[in-house]
Amino acid sequence: MPERIDGDWAISFVEKDGSTFAGRGIFRAEGAVVRGTIMTDTGDYRYLDGRYEAGTLELSCFDGGHAFLFRARVDESGRLVGDFWSRGSYHAT
């Protein structure tokens, strides 16, 4: 598992119906504190803040209009695998 999460990460989101869309995670860390964003073809997921500890990444944002939560673990191949929630009902892996 990587000790640091800094850098750019290619992301593939999978929705409930099996469709996918691409993103790019841009993360900067100071100790366990992580800040960054996830860019997609339609925009970004705002200013994310969170933590990376023991192979687990948690990032979130709430700005009054958007609520996002990302949780991922580093798998044995070094990839981040996890979940993305938005609003009260949206979920993708």
C-alpha atoms as a PDB file:
ATOM      1  CA  MET A   1       0.000   0.000   0.000  1.00  0.00           C
ATOM      2  CA  PRO A   2       1.334   3.462  -0.815  1.00  0.00           C
ATOM      3  CA  GLU A   3       2.392   5.515   2.179  1.00  0.00           C
ATOM      4  CA  ARG A   4       1.257   8.716   0.478  1.00  0.00           C
ATOM      5  CA  ILE A   5      -1.731   9.550  -1.678  1.00  0.00           C
ATOM      6  CA  ASP A   6      -0.254  12.705  -3.290  1.00  0.00           C
ATOM      7  CA  GLY A   7      -0.558  13.050  -7.025  1.00  0.00           C
ATOM      8  CA  ASP A   8      -2.933  12.418  -9.894  1.00  0.00           C
ATOM      9  CA  TRP A   9      -5.049   9.255  -9.987  1.00  0.00           C
ATOM     10  CA  ALA A  10      -7.060   7.926 -12.940  1.00  0.00           C
ATOM     11  CA  ILE A  11     -10.588   7.084 -11.763  1.00  0.00           C
ATOM     12  CA  SER A  12     -13.317   4.954 -13.298  1.00  0.00           C
ATOM     13  CA  PHE A  13     -16.755   5.338 -11.710  1.00  0.00           C
ATOM     14  CA  VAL A  14     -19.305   2.533 -12.120  1.00  0.00           C
ATOM     15  CA  GLU A  15     -22.966   3.435 -11.676  1.00  0.00           C
ATOM     16  CA  LYS A  16     -25.741   1.089 -10.494  1.00  0.00           C
ATOM     17  CA  ASP A  17     -26.808   0.353 -14.089  1.00  0.00           C
ATOM     18  CA  GLY A  18     -23.238  -0.690 -14.994  1.00  0.00           C
ATOM     19  CA  SER A  19     -22.426   2.432 -17.007  1.00  0.00           C
ATOM     20  CA  THR A  20     -19.077   4.068 -16.365  1.00  0.00           C
ATOM     21  CA  PHE A  21     -17.519   7.501 -16.523  1.00  0.00           C
ATOM     22  CA  ALA A  22     -13.937   8.631 -16.085  1.00  0.00           C
ATOM     23  CA  GLY A  23     -12.409  11.063 -13.650  1.00  0.00           C
ATOM     24  CA  ARG A  24      -9.051  12.256 -12.429  1.00  0.00           C
ATOM     25  CA  GLY A  25      -8.288  12.638  -8.737  1.00  0.00           C
ATOM     26  CA  ILE A  26      -5.828  15.362  -7.826  1.00  0.00           C
ATOM     27  CA  PHE A  27      -4.739  14.979  -4.207  1.00  0.00           C
ATOM     28  CA  ARG A  28      -2.251  16.801  -1.987  1.00  0.00           C
ATOM     29  CA  ALA A  29      -1.473  15.578   1.519  1.00  0.00           C
ATOM     30  CA  GLU A  30       0.114  17.049   4.623  1.00  0.00           C
ATOM     31  CA  GLY A  31       0.536  14.171   7.020  1.00  0.00           C
ATOM     32  CA  ALA A  32      -2.783  12.327   7.111  1.00  0.00           C
ATOM     33  CA  VAL A  33      -4.779  15.388   5.948  1.00  0.00           C
ATOM     34  CA  VAL A  34      -5.721  15.263   2.242  1.00  0.00           C
ATOM     35  CA  ARG A  35      -7.147  18.032   0.067  1.00  0.00           C
ATOM     36  CA  GLY A  36      -7.981  17.954  -3.598  1.00  0.00           C
ATOM     37  CA  THR A  37     -10.650  17.458  -6.196  1.00  0.00           C
ATOM     38  CA  ILE A  38     -11.898  14.955  -8.729  1.00  0.00           C
ATOM     39  CA  MET A  39     -12.226  16.239 -12.286  1.00  0.00           C
ATOM     40  CA  THR A  40     -14.657  14.766 -14.834  1.00  0.00           C
ATOM     41  CA  ASP A  41     -15.760  15.707 -18.346  1.00  0.00           C
ATOM     42  CA  THR A  42     -18.675  17.654 -16.848  1.00  0.00           C
ATOM     43  CA  GLY A  43     -16.793  19.522 -14.102  1.00  0.00           C
ATOM     44  CA  ASP A  44     -15.302  18.775 -10.712  1.00  0.00           C
ATOM     45  CA  TYR A  45     -16.366  17.536  -7.286  1.00  0.00           C
ATOM     46  CA  ARG A  46     -15.481  20.791  -5.560  1.00  0.00           C
ATOM     47  CA  TYR A  47     -12.998  21.266  -2.749  1.00  0.00           C
ATOM     48  CA  LEU A  48     -12.585  17.905  -1.059  1.00  0.00           C
ATOM     49  CA  ASP A  49     -11.051  17.501   2.382  1.00  0.00           C
ATOM     50  CA  GLY A  50     -10.332  14.353   4.309  1.00  0.00           C
ATOM     51  CA  ARG A  51      -7.768  11.846   5.534  1.00  0.00           C
ATOM     52  CA  TYR A  52      -5.552   9.041   4.283  1.00  0.00           C
ATOM     53  CA  GLU A  53      -4.485   6.579   6.946  1.00  0.00           C
ATOM     54  CA  ALA A  54      -3.596   2.880   6.943  1.00  0.00           C
ATOM     55  CA  GLY A  55      -4.541   2.511   3.278  1.00  0.00           C
ATOM     56  CA  THR A  56      -7.964   4.156   3.642  1.00  0.00           C
ATOM     57  CA  LEU A  57      -8.908   7.407   1.921  1.00  0.00           C
ATOM     58  CA  GLU A  58     -11.960   9.412   3.015  1.00  0.00           C
ATOM     59  CA  LEU A  59     -12.850  12.702   1.308  1.00  0.00           C
ATOM     60  CA  SER A  60     -15.953  14.850   1.568  1.00  0.00           C
ATOM     61  CA  CYS A  61     -17.433  18.214   0.682  1.00  0.00           C
ATOM     62  CA  PHE A  62     -20.515  20.152   1.692  1.00  0.00           C
ATOM     63  CA  ASP A  63     -20.884  23.698   0.413  1.00  0.00           C
ATOM     64  CA  GLY A  64     -24.583  24.320   0.953  1.00  0.00           C
ATOM     65  CA  GLY A  65     -25.510  23.088  -2.522  1.00  0.00           C
ATOM     66  CA  HIS A  66     -23.445  19.913  -2.896  1.00  0.00           C
ATOM     67  CA  ALA A  67     -22.780  17.016  -0.539  1.00  0.00           C
ATOM     68  CA  PHE A  68     -20.165  14.465  -1.644  1.00  0.00           C
ATOM     69  CA  LEU A  69     -18.547  11.558   0.202  1.00  0.00           C
ATOM     70  CA  PHE A  70     -15.774   9.348  -1.170  1.00  0.00           C
ATOM     71  CA  ARG A  71     -14.375   6.310   0.698  1.00  0.00           C
ATOM     72  CA  ALA A  72     -11.727   4.028  -0.764  1.00  0.00           C
ATOM     73  CA  ARG A  73      -9.144   1.452   0.299  1.00  0.00           C
ATOM     74  CA  VAL A  74      -5.926   0.602  -1.455  1.00  0.00           C
ATOM     75  CA  ASP A  75      -6.135  -2.976  -2.754  1.00  0.00           C
ATOM     76  CA  GLU A  76      -3.255  -5.441  -3.083  1.00  0.00           C
ATOM     77  CA  SER A  77      -2.350  -4.108  -6.541  1.00  0.00           C
ATOM     78  CA  GLY A  78      -2.079  -0.504  -5.271  1.00  0.00           C
ATOM     79  CA  ARG A  79      -5.395   0.655  -6.763  1.00  0.00           C
ATOM     80  CA  LEU A  80      -7.979   2.653  -4.845  1.00  0.00           C
ATOM     81  CA  VAL A  81     -11.304   0.793  -4.714  1.00  0.00           C
ATOM     82  CA  GLY A  82     -14.322   2.317  -3.039  1.00  0.00           C
ATOM     83  CA  ASP A  83     -17.602   4.190  -3.061  1.00  0.00           C
ATOM     84  CA  PHE A  84     -18.970   7.618  -3.950  1.00  0.00           C
ATOM     85  CA  TRP A  85     -22.187   9.050  -2.509  1.00  0.00           C
ATOM     86  CA  SER A  86     -23.954  12.277  -3.429  1.00  0.00           C
ATOM     87  CA  ARG A  87     -27.222  13.756  -2.265  1.00  0.00           C
ATOM     88  CA  GLY A  88     -29.468  11.365  -0.376  1.00  0.00           C
ATOM     89  CA  SER A  89     -29.688   8.687  -3.029  1.00  0.00           C
ATOM     90  CA  TYR A  90     -26.812   8.641  -5.560  1.00  0.00           C
ATOM     91  CA  HIS A  91     -24.164   5.943  -5.245  1.00  0.00           C
ATOM     92  CA  ALA A  92     -21.369   4.733  -7.552  1.00  0.00           C
ATOM     93  CA  THR A  93     -18.343   2.529  -7.013  1.00  0.00           C
END
